[in-house]
Amino acid sequence: MEGKFKKKLTLLDLTFLGLGSIIGSGWLFASMNGAQFAGSVAWLAWVGGAIAVLLIGLVYGELAAAIPRAGGFVRYPEYTHGSLVGYMTGFASLMAYSSVAGIEVEAVVSHASYYAPWLMGDKGPSLAGTIVEILLLLVFFLLNYWSVNVFGKVNTIVTAFKFIVPTCTIIALLMFFKGSNLSVGGAAPGGAEGVFTAIAGGGIVFAFLGFRQAVDFGAEAKNPQRDIPRAIIIAVFLGTAVYILLQLAFLGAVPADALGQGWGHIKDAMPKTANYPFVWVASSLGLTWLSTLLLIDAVISPAGTGNIYLSGTGRVLYAWSNNRHFYSFFSKVHPKTGVPRAALWLSFILAIVWILPAQFDTWSKLVDAVTSATVMTYMVGPISMMSMRRTLPNMKRPFRLPGGQILAPLAFIAATCIIYWAGWNTNRFLIGLTLASLILYFAFMDKSDETRGRLGRDWRAGAWLVVYYLFILAMSYIGAYGPLKNPWIPGPYLDTIVVVIGAIILYFWGLNSALPEPSFETDTAGEAPPEFVEA
């Protein structure tokens, strides 16, 4: 018997799903990365990242409140632009989601090695460390396997603890704040380019990506129309406040003798404990109690986030399969628990795969990849929202984004810049893999006369996205974040201006390429159709 998702999650659960994902390993590393890239103005990178993510989050708040769906980020592009856009968004989302649990267990093992050095080798986790990472993923899998209610309540408790420790850190470090640290120069690369690099590659946007959990668990919310937009806004605002205060506390508390060569060389000035920047600062101030608390939280915070993302990956796989771009076996929901167990099994396997490749053997390299991959799934949302306003003007929208005609293209531009700022090495891998995966798309679309008949329509609706990826790939190569010593289009402003102009053109191309009417043919019997109001 086919099961249904259980509507068990409250506003508090949804908010803590988002906040629990936002406060993961990012806060433990990103403040130091932000300081190295942008120096004393690193807090601006957090403001910029928060604005970009909130713009995107509010777009999905409107979509998810009107049409709550498991794995909504994958479902909405399919509704408005057909199978090609739905497939590529799903593939990018699968890469993004399945890798986060690996990032978080690596952060757990990295910090645990402070007391157990045998967990880490010269270039990453040792064999023993890798085994511990797999065992942690197994624990996450079992927590998610039994029911969403158990998962949600455990996460709420863990997130409450995760919020307390950063708060204690902020209060303690601000008591040792040195204003002179903010006047130290030497940030590398510094200036606007340093802020842009910190946003995309310093782990700052990565730290905010968890806002999406309220959307992906929308089918399991008790009152999705009211609670999803609220949960997104509350989680992003609370996360932003915590991160800006942490960044300022870090900048002001770093020992002055570590800044002799400027912020750009802060890692060189740190001892071997550079993998634990807040622990290093707390120890240098004689705050032993805080160092101990940070090391405990350094295990709990990433573990809690990894637990959420392993579950979220299952919802993405469910949605991708439900869109008929993957084996239908993975769209089955267990009738008793309301959990997509087959998808959860594959999520567990994929998370293990991500921690094994040598090219992604460090936290920062994994973060670059997952940030760009995740934002590749976000950038379609503004176009889907505005196309639905055009084609379904009478659809009931419990939350309607004010100024959507302006904010939607701004959200698209922000997402595009973040992808571009991630740089050539990251984008060539992710975009190249996404385009190569179209072989899989044709394999699944060739299964029946019905799906083959939609190919022409869906390619006309989705050609803009293929061009979009090729445009980003080209700009990543010839711009300031590419491999060329003398970029054809230099930064920090000219290359970004070109990217913004290209984004505007592609936004309106994508908007005008939408299907004449959204197609809900991939919905199942257990999913409520959109509601409409009289004109």
Protein backbone atom coordinates (compact mmCIF):
# COMPACT_ATOMS: atom_id res chain seq x y z
CA MET A 1 0.00 0.00 0.00
CA GLU A 2 1.31 3.45 -0.96
CA GLY A 3 1.97 5.69 2.03
CA LYS A 4 1.63 9.43 2.50
CA PHE A 5 3.75 12.04 4.22
CA LYS A 6 2.65 12.70 7.81
CA LYS A 7 1.73 16.31 8.63
CA LYS A 8 3.54 16.54 11.98
CA LEU A 9 5.82 19.59 11.80
CA THR A 10 4.88 22.82 13.60
CA LEU A 11 6.18 26.36 13.04
CA LEU A 12 8.78 25.75 15.74
CA ASP A 13 9.88 22.50 14.07
CA LEU A 14 10.13 24.15 10.63
CA THR A 15 12.03 27.15 12.02
CA PHE A 16 14.44 24.92 13.86
CA LEU A 17 14.92 22.78 10.76
CA GLY A 18 16.09 25.92 8.98
CA LEU A 19 18.04 27.34 11.89
CA GLY A 20 19.52 23.93 12.69
CA SER A 21 20.83 23.72 9.13
CA ILE A 22 22.06 27.32 9.13
CA ILE A 23 24.02 26.88 12.37
CA GLY A 24 26.12 23.88 11.37
CA SER A 25 29.83 23.75 10.63
CA GLY A 26 29.68 27.13 8.88
CA TRP A 27 29.98 29.25 12.02
CA LEU A 28 33.01 27.28 13.19
CA PHE A 29 35.06 28.06 10.07
CA ALA A 30 33.48 30.88 8.07
CA SER A 31 34.39 33.74 10.43
CA MET A 32 38.08 33.03 9.93
CA ASN A 33 37.65 32.57 6.17
CA GLY A 34 35.73 35.84 5.98
CA ALA A 35 38.48 37.62 7.93
CA GLN A 36 41.17 36.24 5.62
CA PHE A 37 39.37 37.28 2.43
CA ALA A 38 37.82 40.59 3.53
CA GLY A 39 39.61 41.60 6.72
CA SER A 40 37.86 44.08 8.99
CA VAL A 41 34.92 44.46 6.58
CA ALA A 42 34.11 40.75 6.60
CA TRP A 43 30.82 41.53 8.34
CA LEU A 44 29.69 43.13 5.08
CA ALA A 45 29.98 39.75 3.41
CA TRP A 46 27.51 38.34 5.96
CA VAL A 47 25.09 41.20 5.27
CA GLY A 48 25.40 40.64 1.52
CA GLY A 49 24.98 36.89 1.85
CA ALA A 50 21.93 37.30 4.10
CA ILE A 51 20.24 39.74 1.71
CA ALA A 52 20.84 37.43 -1.26
CA VAL A 53 19.55 34.36 0.58
CA LEU A 54 16.53 36.20 2.02
CA LEU A 55 15.53 37.40 -1.45
CA ILE A 56 15.65 33.83 -2.70
CA GLY A 57 13.96 32.50 0.44
CA LEU A 58 11.00 34.86 0.13
CA VAL A 59 10.47 33.75 -3.47
CA TYR A 60 10.19 30.16 -2.30
CA GLY A 61 8.03 31.29 0.60
CA GLU A 62 5.37 32.36 -1.90
CA LEU A 63 5.66 29.14 -3.92
CA ALA A 64 5.71 26.77 -0.94
CA ALA A 65 2.81 28.44 0.87
CA ALA A 66 0.65 28.09 -2.25
CA ILE A 67 1.85 24.61 -3.27
CA PRO A 68 3.55 22.79 -0.35
CA ARG A 69 5.52 19.86 -1.75
CA ALA A 70 8.23 17.51 -0.52
CA GLY A 71 11.41 18.52 -2.36
CA GLY A 72 9.69 21.69 -3.59
CA PHE A 73 12.88 23.14 -5.10
CA VAL A 74 12.79 20.31 -7.64
CA ARG A 75 9.03 20.32 -8.21
CA TYR A 76 8.30 24.00 -9.00
CA PRO A 77 10.63 24.27 -12.05
CA GLU A 78 9.01 21.12 -13.45
CA TYR A 79 5.55 22.68 -13.07
CA THR A 80 6.43 25.90 -14.92
CA HIS A 81 9.07 24.86 -17.48
CA GLY A 82 8.70 21.13 -18.03
CA SER A 83 11.03 18.19 -17.82
CA LEU A 84 14.34 19.64 -19.04
CA VAL A 85 14.48 22.43 -16.45
CA GLY A 86 13.03 20.09 -13.82
CA TYR A 87 15.66 17.47 -14.57
CA MET A 88 18.67 19.81 -14.46
CA THR A 89 17.42 21.48 -11.29
CA GLY A 90 16.92 18.06 -9.73
CA PHE A 91 20.40 16.88 -10.70
CA ALA A 92 22.05 20.00 -9.27
CA SER A 93 19.93 19.67 -6.14
CA LEU A 94 20.93 16.04 -5.76
CA MET A 95 24.63 16.97 -5.95
CA ALA A 96 24.15 19.79 -3.45
CA TYR A 97 22.10 17.92 -0.89
CA SER A 98 23.89 14.60 -0.92
CA SER A 99 27.25 16.29 -0.28
CA VAL A 100 26.27 18.38 2.77
CA ALA A 101 26.04 15.43 5.15
CA GLY A 102 29.61 14.55 4.09
CA ILE A 103 30.78 18.12 4.80
CA GLU A 104 29.25 18.03 8.26
CA VAL A 105 30.67 14.65 9.33
CA GLU A 106 34.09 15.81 8.12
CA ALA A 107 33.72 18.88 10.36
CA VAL A 108 32.79 16.59 13.27
CA VAL A 109 35.85 14.38 12.75
CA SER A 110 38.14 17.38 12.21
CA HIS A 111 37.19 18.91 15.57
CA ALA A 112 37.12 15.57 17.37
CA SER A 113 40.74 15.07 16.27
CA TYR A 114 41.71 17.78 18.77
CA TYR A 115 41.44 15.02 21.37
CA ALA A 116 41.92 12.07 18.99
CA PRO A 117 44.65 13.06 16.48
CA TRP A 118 44.51 9.63 14.84
CA LEU A 119 41.24 10.65 13.17
CA MET A 120 43.02 13.02 10.75
CA GLY A 121 45.89 12.48 8.30
CA ASP A 122 48.01 15.00 6.42
CA LYS A 123 45.43 15.73 3.72
CA GLY A 124 42.17 14.92 5.46
CA PRO A 125 40.53 12.18 7.54
CA SER A 126 42.59 9.04 8.12
CA LEU A 127 41.17 5.58 7.44
CA ALA A 128 39.93 5.48 11.04
CA GLY A 129 38.44 8.97 10.60
CA THR A 130 36.64 7.91 7.44
CA ILE A 131 35.18 4.88 9.24
CA VAL A 132 33.93 7.19 12.02
CA GLU A 133 32.36 9.46 9.39
CA ILE A 134 30.50 6.49 7.87
CA LEU A 135 29.29 5.39 11.30
CA LEU A 136 27.98 8.91 11.97
CA LEU A 137 26.09 8.85 8.68
CA LEU A 138 24.62 5.50 9.73
CA VAL A 139 23.34 7.09 12.96
CA PHE A 140 21.72 9.90 10.94
CA PHE A 141 20.16 7.32 8.65
CA LEU A 142 18.62 5.40 11.54
CA LEU A 143 17.27 8.58 13.18
CA ASN A 144 15.50 9.43 9.93
CA TYR A 145 14.35 5.91 9.11
CA TRP A 146 11.62 5.52 11.70
CA SER A 147 9.42 8.63 11.44
CA VAL A 148 9.49 12.35 10.66
CA ASN A 149 8.05 13.08 14.11
CA VAL A 150 11.01 11.50 15.93
CA PHE A 151 13.40 13.23 13.53
CA GLY A 152 11.72 16.64 14.01
CA LYS A 153 11.66 16.52 17.81
CA VAL A 154 15.29 15.33 18.08
CA ASN A 155 16.34 18.15 15.76
CA THR A 156 14.47 20.78 17.80
CA ILE A 157 16.31 19.73 20.98
CA VAL A 158 19.72 19.66 19.27
CA THR A 159 19.16 23.06 17.61
CA ALA A 160 18.29 24.66 20.95
CA PHE A 161 21.73 23.61 22.24
CA LYS A 162 23.39 24.76 19.00
CA PHE A 163 21.94 28.25 19.50
CA ILE A 164 23.18 28.55 23.09
CA VAL A 165 26.89 27.91 22.37
CA PRO A 166 27.36 30.65 19.72
CA THR A 167 25.54 33.05 22.05
CA CYS A 168 27.97 32.26 24.88
CA THR A 169 30.88 32.67 22.44
CA ILE A 170 29.69 36.10 21.32
CA ILE A 171 29.25 37.39 24.87
CA ALA A 172 32.62 36.04 26.05
CA LEU A 173 34.71 37.28 23.10
CA LEU A 174 33.11 40.73 22.97
CA MET A 175 34.42 41.27 26.51
CA PHE A 176 37.93 41.12 24.98
CA PHE A 177 37.13 43.20 21.89
CA LYS A 178 40.09 45.25 20.55
CA GLY A 179 38.98 48.03 18.22
CA SER A 180 42.53 48.40 16.88
CA ASN A 181 42.17 45.02 15.12
CA LEU A 182 39.65 46.58 12.72
CA SER A 183 42.19 49.09 11.43
CA VAL A 184 44.73 46.43 10.44
CA GLY A 185 45.25 46.22 6.65
CA GLY A 186 46.62 43.48 4.47
CA ALA A 187 43.44 41.58 3.61
CA ALA A 188 43.85 39.39 0.55
CA PRO A 189 42.57 39.93 -2.04
CA GLY A 190 40.83 42.73 -0.13
CA GLY A 191 38.33 45.37 -1.07
CA ALA A 192 35.15 44.55 -2.95
CA GLU A 193 36.67 41.45 -4.54
CA GLY A 194 37.54 40.13 -1.07
CA VAL A 195 33.95 40.60 0.09
CA PHE A 196 32.60 38.87 -3.04
CA THR A 197 35.03 35.97 -2.62
CA ALA A 198 34.10 35.59 1.04
CA ILE A 199 30.39 35.45 0.17
CA ALA A 200 30.72 32.61 -2.34
CA GLY A 201 33.92 30.80 -1.39
CA GLY A 202 34.44 31.58 2.28
CA GLY A 203 31.54 29.51 3.52
CA ILE A 204 29.22 32.48 4.11
CA VAL A 205 26.46 31.65 1.64
CA PHE A 206 26.97 27.99 2.57
CA ALA A 207 26.16 28.90 6.17
CA PHE A 208 22.75 30.28 5.11
CA LEU A 209 21.70 27.52 2.72
CA GLY A 210 19.72 25.69 5.39
CA PHE A 211 16.76 28.08 5.03
CA ARG A 212 15.42 25.73 2.35
CA GLN A 213 14.47 23.00 4.81
CA ALA A 214 11.08 24.59 5.53
CA VAL A 215 10.35 24.33 1.80
CA ASP A 216 11.55 20.76 1.34
CA PHE A 217 9.57 19.53 4.35
CA GLY A 218 6.49 21.51 3.29
CA ALA A 219 4.40 18.40 2.67
CA GLU A 220 4.95 17.40 6.30
CA ALA A 221 3.97 20.75 7.87
CA LYS A 222 0.75 21.01 9.89
CA ASN A 223 -0.04 24.46 8.51
CA PRO A 224 2.25 25.03 5.50
CA GLN A 225 0.40 28.07 4.14
CA ARG A 226 1.05 30.05 7.30
CA ASP A 227 4.20 28.49 8.71
CA ILE A 228 6.59 28.02 5.75
CA PRO A 229 7.14 31.74 4.95
CA ARG A 230 7.37 32.57 8.65
CA ALA A 231 9.89 29.80 9.29
CA ILE A 232 12.10 30.99 6.40
CA ILE A 233 12.11 34.62 7.56
CA ILE A 234 12.68 33.82 11.25
CA ALA A 235 15.49 31.34 10.55
CA VAL A 236 17.37 33.70 8.20
CA PHE A 237 17.06 36.71 10.52
CA LEU A 238 18.18 34.77 13.60
CA GLY A 239 21.04 33.18 11.67
CA THR A 240 22.16 36.55 10.30
CA ALA A 241 22.21 38.15 13.75
CA VAL A 242 24.26 35.29 15.18
CA TYR A 243 26.77 35.26 12.30
CA ILE A 244 27.41 39.01 12.18
CA LEU A 245 27.97 39.12 15.92
CA LEU A 246 30.28 36.08 15.71
CA GLN A 247 32.28 37.72 12.92
CA LEU A 248 32.69 40.97 14.86
CA ALA A 249 33.58 39.07 18.04
CA PHE A 250 36.21 37.07 16.12
CA LEU A 251 37.71 40.15 14.45
CA GLY A 252 38.01 41.98 17.77
CA ALA A 253 39.31 39.07 19.86
CA VAL A 254 42.08 37.72 17.60
CA PRO A 255 45.48 38.21 19.28
CA ALA A 256 47.13 41.38 17.96
CA ASP A 257 50.47 39.60 17.42
CA ALA A 258 48.79 37.31 14.86
CA LEU A 259 48.06 40.30 12.60
CA GLY A 260 51.61 41.41 11.93
CA GLN A 261 51.24 40.67 8.20
CA GLY A 262 47.59 41.66 8.03
CA TRP A 263 44.34 39.73 7.90
CA GLY A 264 45.26 38.07 4.61
CA HIS A 265 47.93 36.01 6.39
CA ILE A 266 46.06 35.15 9.56
CA LYS A 267 46.18 31.41 8.84
CA ASP A 268 49.97 31.58 8.54
CA ALA A 269 50.14 33.20 11.99
CA MET A 270 48.04 30.52 13.66
CA PRO A 271 49.54 27.46 15.35
CA LYS A 272 48.53 23.91 14.43
CA THR A 273 45.13 24.55 16.00
CA ALA A 274 44.26 26.72 12.98
CA ASN A 275 41.60 24.14 12.12
CA TYR A 276 39.75 25.37 15.21
CA PRO A 277 39.78 29.18 14.91
CA PHE A 278 37.37 29.98 17.75
CA VAL A 279 39.07 27.43 20.01
CA TRP A 280 42.41 29.07 19.23
CA VAL A 281 41.09 32.54 20.06
CA ALA A 282 39.41 31.35 23.28
CA SER A 283 42.60 29.55 24.40
CA SER A 284 44.74 32.62 23.68
CA LEU A 285 42.45 34.60 26.00
CA GLY A 286 42.68 32.00 28.75
CA LEU A 287 39.02 31.00 28.39
CA THR A 288 39.48 27.28 28.97
CA TRP A 289 35.81 26.72 29.74
CA LEU A 290 34.84 28.26 26.39
CA SER A 291 37.40 26.18 24.50
CA THR A 292 35.94 23.02 26.00
CA LEU A 293 32.36 24.09 25.24
CA LEU A 294 33.31 24.95 21.65
CA LEU A 295 34.90 21.56 21.09
CA ILE A 296 31.77 19.83 22.38
CA ASP A 297 29.57 21.98 20.16
CA ALA A 298 31.94 21.43 17.22
CA VAL A 299 30.79 17.82 17.27
CA ILE A 300 27.10 18.43 18.00
CA SER A 301 26.42 21.36 15.61
CA PRO A 302 27.68 19.76 12.38
CA ALA A 303 26.18 16.42 13.39
CA GLY A 304 22.76 18.02 13.79
CA THR A 305 23.01 19.67 10.38
CA GLY A 306 24.23 16.48 8.73
CA ASN A 307 21.23 14.68 10.20
CA ILE A 308 18.84 17.24 8.64
CA TYR A 309 20.48 17.15 5.22
CA LEU A 310 20.55 13.37 5.00
CA SER A 311 16.79 13.46 5.52
CA GLY A 312 16.41 16.37 3.08
CA THR A 313 18.31 14.45 0.39
CA GLY A 314 15.67 11.73 0.64
CA ARG A 315 12.96 14.31 -0.08
CA VAL A 316 14.89 15.63 -3.10
CA LEU A 317 15.30 12.11 -4.49
CA TYR A 318 11.61 11.51 -3.89
CA ALA A 319 10.74 14.69 -5.80
CA TRP A 320 13.15 13.92 -8.66
CA SER A 321 11.71 10.42 -9.00
CA ASN A 322 8.18 11.78 -8.75
CA ASN A 323 8.99 14.04 -11.71
CA ARG A 324 9.77 10.81 -13.66
CA HIS A 325 13.47 11.62 -14.03
CA PHE A 326 14.59 8.72 -11.87
CA TYR A 327 13.42 5.23 -10.99
CA SER A 328 9.86 5.26 -9.62
CA PHE A 329 10.95 2.99 -6.79
CA PHE A 330 12.44 6.04 -5.06
CA SER A 331 9.11 7.92 -5.05
CA LYS A 332 7.51 5.41 -2.69
CA VAL A 333 6.58 6.55 0.82
CA HIS A 334 6.47 3.97 3.60
CA PRO A 335 2.80 3.70 4.68
CA LYS A 336 3.45 3.39 8.41
CA THR A 337 6.26 5.90 8.98
CA GLY A 338 5.53 8.40 6.19
CA VAL A 339 9.21 8.33 5.22
CA PRO A 340 10.56 7.75 1.64
CA ARG A 341 12.75 4.88 2.82
CA ALA A 342 14.17 3.82 -0.54
CA ALA A 343 15.26 7.41 -1.24
CA LEU A 344 16.74 7.57 2.25
CA TRP A 345 18.85 4.47 1.57
CA LEU A 346 20.26 6.05 -1.59
CA SER A 347 20.89 9.32 0.30
CA PHE A 348 22.97 7.39 2.80
CA ILE A 349 25.04 5.78 0.02
CA LEU A 350 25.57 9.07 -1.83
CA ALA A 351 26.71 10.81 1.37
CA ILE A 352 29.38 8.12 1.78
CA VAL A 353 30.49 8.56 -1.84
CA TRP A 354 31.04 12.32 -1.34
CA ILE A 355 33.52 11.87 1.52
CA LEU A 356 35.73 9.52 -0.51
CA PRO A 357 37.01 11.49 -3.58
CA ALA A 358 40.49 12.94 -3.10
CA GLN A 359 39.66 16.17 -4.94
CA PHE A 360 37.19 17.09 -2.19
CA ASP A 361 39.21 16.02 0.84
CA THR A 362 38.93 19.26 2.77
CA TRP A 363 36.01 21.19 4.24
CA SER A 364 36.63 24.34 2.20
CA LYS A 365 36.74 22.50 -1.13
CA LEU A 366 33.50 20.69 -0.35
CA VAL A 367 31.89 23.98 0.67
CA ASP A 368 32.77 25.63 -2.66
CA ALA A 369 31.17 22.74 -4.53
CA VAL A 370 28.00 22.50 -2.47
CA THR A 371 27.44 26.28 -2.40
CA SER A 372 27.54 26.61 -6.16
CA ALA A 373 25.48 23.43 -6.71
CA THR A 374 22.79 24.54 -4.25
CA VAL A 375 22.47 28.03 -5.69
CA MET A 376 22.20 26.44 -9.15
CA THR A 377 18.89 25.02 -7.88
CA TYR A 378 17.77 28.33 -6.35
CA MET A 379 18.11 30.54 -9.42
CA VAL A 380 15.12 28.98 -11.21
CA GLY A 381 12.72 29.84 -8.36
CA PRO A 382 12.25 33.57 -9.14
CA ILE A 383 11.38 32.72 -12.75
CA SER A 384 8.94 29.99 -11.64
CA MET A 385 7.25 32.37 -9.19
CA MET A 386 6.72 35.14 -11.72
CA SER A 387 5.64 32.77 -14.49
CA MET A 388 2.98 31.32 -12.15
CA ARG A 389 1.75 34.85 -11.44
CA ARG A 390 1.29 35.30 -15.18
CA THR A 391 -0.28 31.94 -15.99
CA LEU A 392 -2.20 31.30 -12.72
CA PRO A 393 -3.21 34.78 -11.54
CA ASN A 394 -6.15 33.40 -9.53
CA MET A 395 -4.18 30.80 -7.60
CA LYS A 396 -4.58 31.26 -3.86
CA ARG A 397 -1.35 32.70 -2.44
CA PRO A 398 -1.43 32.78 1.38
CA PHE A 399 1.88 34.66 1.19
CA ARG A 400 2.45 37.02 -1.73
CA LEU A 401 5.91 38.56 -1.96
CA PRO A 402 5.53 42.37 -1.98
CA GLY A 403 7.31 43.98 -4.92
CA GLY A 404 7.79 40.60 -6.57
CA GLN A 405 8.30 42.09 -10.04
CA ILE A 406 11.44 43.82 -8.75
CA LEU A 407 12.60 41.37 -6.08
CA ALA A 408 12.33 38.27 -8.30
CA PRO A 409 14.90 39.46 -10.88
CA LEU A 410 17.09 40.75 -8.03
CA ALA A 411 17.00 37.29 -6.45
CA PHE A 412 17.93 35.75 -9.81
CA ILE A 413 20.83 38.19 -10.23
CA ALA A 414 22.04 37.52 -6.67
CA ALA A 415 22.01 33.75 -7.26
CA THR A 416 23.85 34.16 -10.56
CA CYS A 417 26.59 36.29 -8.97
CA ILE A 418 27.08 33.76 -6.19
CA ILE A 419 27.53 30.96 -8.73
CA TYR A 420 30.00 33.08 -10.71
CA TRP A 421 32.00 34.09 -7.63
CA ALA A 422 32.51 30.42 -6.76
CA GLY A 423 35.15 30.37 -9.50
CA TRP A 424 36.26 28.32 -12.48
CA ASN A 425 37.47 25.16 -10.71
CA THR A 426 34.15 24.65 -8.95
CA ASN A 427 31.88 25.62 -11.83
CA ARG A 428 33.63 23.61 -14.51
CA PHE A 429 33.14 20.48 -12.42
CA LEU A 430 29.50 21.10 -11.46
CA ILE A 431 28.23 22.58 -14.72
CA GLY A 432 30.19 20.08 -16.79
CA LEU A 433 28.74 17.20 -14.79
CA THR A 434 25.19 18.61 -15.02
CA LEU A 435 25.38 19.02 -18.80
CA ALA A 436 26.95 15.58 -19.22
CA SER A 437 24.15 14.07 -17.15
CA LEU A 438 21.64 14.99 -19.87
CA ILE A 439 22.38 11.51 -21.22
CA LEU A 440 20.44 10.22 -18.21
CA TYR A 441 17.63 12.67 -18.96
CA PHE A 442 17.18 11.30 -22.48
CA ALA A 443 17.26 7.75 -21.16
CA PHE A 444 14.34 8.38 -18.81
CA MET A 445 12.40 10.59 -21.24
CA ASP A 446 12.60 7.87 -23.90
CA LYS A 447 10.61 5.34 -21.88
CA SER A 448 7.16 6.02 -23.34
CA ASP A 449 5.37 7.73 -26.21
CA GLU A 450 3.89 10.19 -23.68
CA THR A 451 7.24 11.44 -22.40
CA ARG A 452 8.84 11.43 -25.86
CA GLY A 453 5.97 13.57 -27.10
CA ARG A 454 6.83 16.28 -24.56
CA LEU A 455 10.50 16.54 -25.53
CA GLY A 456 10.07 19.30 -28.12
CA ARG A 457 7.83 21.39 -25.87
CA ASP A 458 10.13 20.99 -22.86
CA TRP A 459 13.28 21.81 -24.82
CA ARG A 460 11.74 25.03 -26.08
CA ALA A 461 10.84 25.90 -22.49
CA GLY A 462 14.25 24.94 -21.12
CA ALA A 463 16.82 25.95 -23.74
CA TRP A 464 17.51 29.16 -21.80
CA LEU A 465 18.86 27.16 -18.85
CA VAL A 466 21.39 25.31 -21.03
CA VAL A 467 22.56 28.67 -22.40
CA TYR A 468 22.64 30.03 -18.84
CA TYR A 469 25.03 27.28 -17.73
CA LEU A 470 27.26 27.83 -20.77
CA PHE A 471 27.31 31.59 -20.08
CA ILE A 472 28.38 31.07 -16.45
CA LEU A 473 31.00 28.55 -17.55
CA ALA A 474 32.47 30.98 -20.10
CA MET A 475 32.47 33.92 -17.65
CA SER A 476 34.07 31.74 -14.97
CA TYR A 477 36.95 31.11 -17.37
CA ILE A 478 37.53 34.60 -18.80
CA GLY A 479 36.62 36.62 -15.68
CA ALA A 480 38.55 37.56 -12.54
CA TYR A 481 37.74 34.25 -10.81
CA GLY A 482 39.13 32.13 -13.62
CA PRO A 483 42.52 30.52 -14.34
CA LEU A 484 43.84 33.29 -16.62
CA LYS A 485 46.63 35.45 -15.18
CA ASN A 486 45.32 38.36 -17.24
CA PRO A 487 41.53 37.92 -17.35
CA TRP A 488 39.80 39.04 -20.51
CA ILE A 489 37.17 40.75 -18.35
CA PRO A 490 38.90 41.95 -15.15
CA GLY A 491 37.36 42.39 -11.70
CA PRO A 492 36.17 43.30 -9.25
CA TYR A 493 33.42 45.32 -10.92
CA LEU A 494 33.56 44.95 -14.71
CA ASP A 495 33.22 41.16 -14.74
CA THR A 496 30.38 41.27 -12.20
CA ILE A 497 28.59 43.94 -14.28
CA VAL A 498 28.80 41.69 -17.35
CA VAL A 499 27.42 38.78 -15.33
CA VAL A 500 24.54 40.96 -14.06
CA ILE A 501 23.67 42.08 -17.61
CA GLY A 502 23.73 38.49 -18.81
CA ALA A 503 21.57 37.44 -15.86
CA ILE A 504 18.94 40.08 -16.70
CA ILE A 505 18.74 38.92 -20.32
CA LEU A 506 18.50 35.25 -19.31
CA TYR A 507 15.92 36.01 -16.62
CA PHE A 508 13.48 37.50 -19.14
CA TRP A 509 14.25 34.75 -21.65
CA GLY A 510 13.44 32.15 -19.00
CA LEU A 511 10.31 34.00 -17.92
CA ASN A 512 8.99 34.19 -21.47
CA SER A 513 9.87 30.55 -22.14
CA ALA A 514 7.53 29.19 -19.45
CA LEU A 515 4.78 26.75 -20.39
CA PRO A 516 1.49 28.46 -21.33
CA GLU A 517 0.00 26.84 -18.23
CA PRO A 518 1.84 25.09 -15.37
CA SER A 519 1.70 21.31 -15.65
CA PHE A 520 0.80 19.43 -12.46
CA GLU A 521 0.70 16.04 -14.16
CA THR A 522 3.49 14.68 -11.96
CA ASP A 523 1.47 15.22 -8.77
CA THR A 524 0.30 12.13 -6.93
CA ALA A 525 -3.11 11.37 -5.48
CA GLY A 526 -1.91 12.26 -1.99
CA GLU A 527 -0.86 15.79 -2.95
CA ALA A 528 -3.50 18.51 -2.70
CA PRO A 529 -3.87 20.53 -5.92
CA PRO A 530 -3.45 24.32 -5.85
CA GLU A 531 -6.44 26.30 -4.60
CA PHE A 532 -7.99 29.12 -6.61
CA VAL A 533 -10.01 32.21 -5.76
CA GLU A 534 -12.64 33.88 -7.87
CA ALA A 535 -11.37 36.55 -10.22
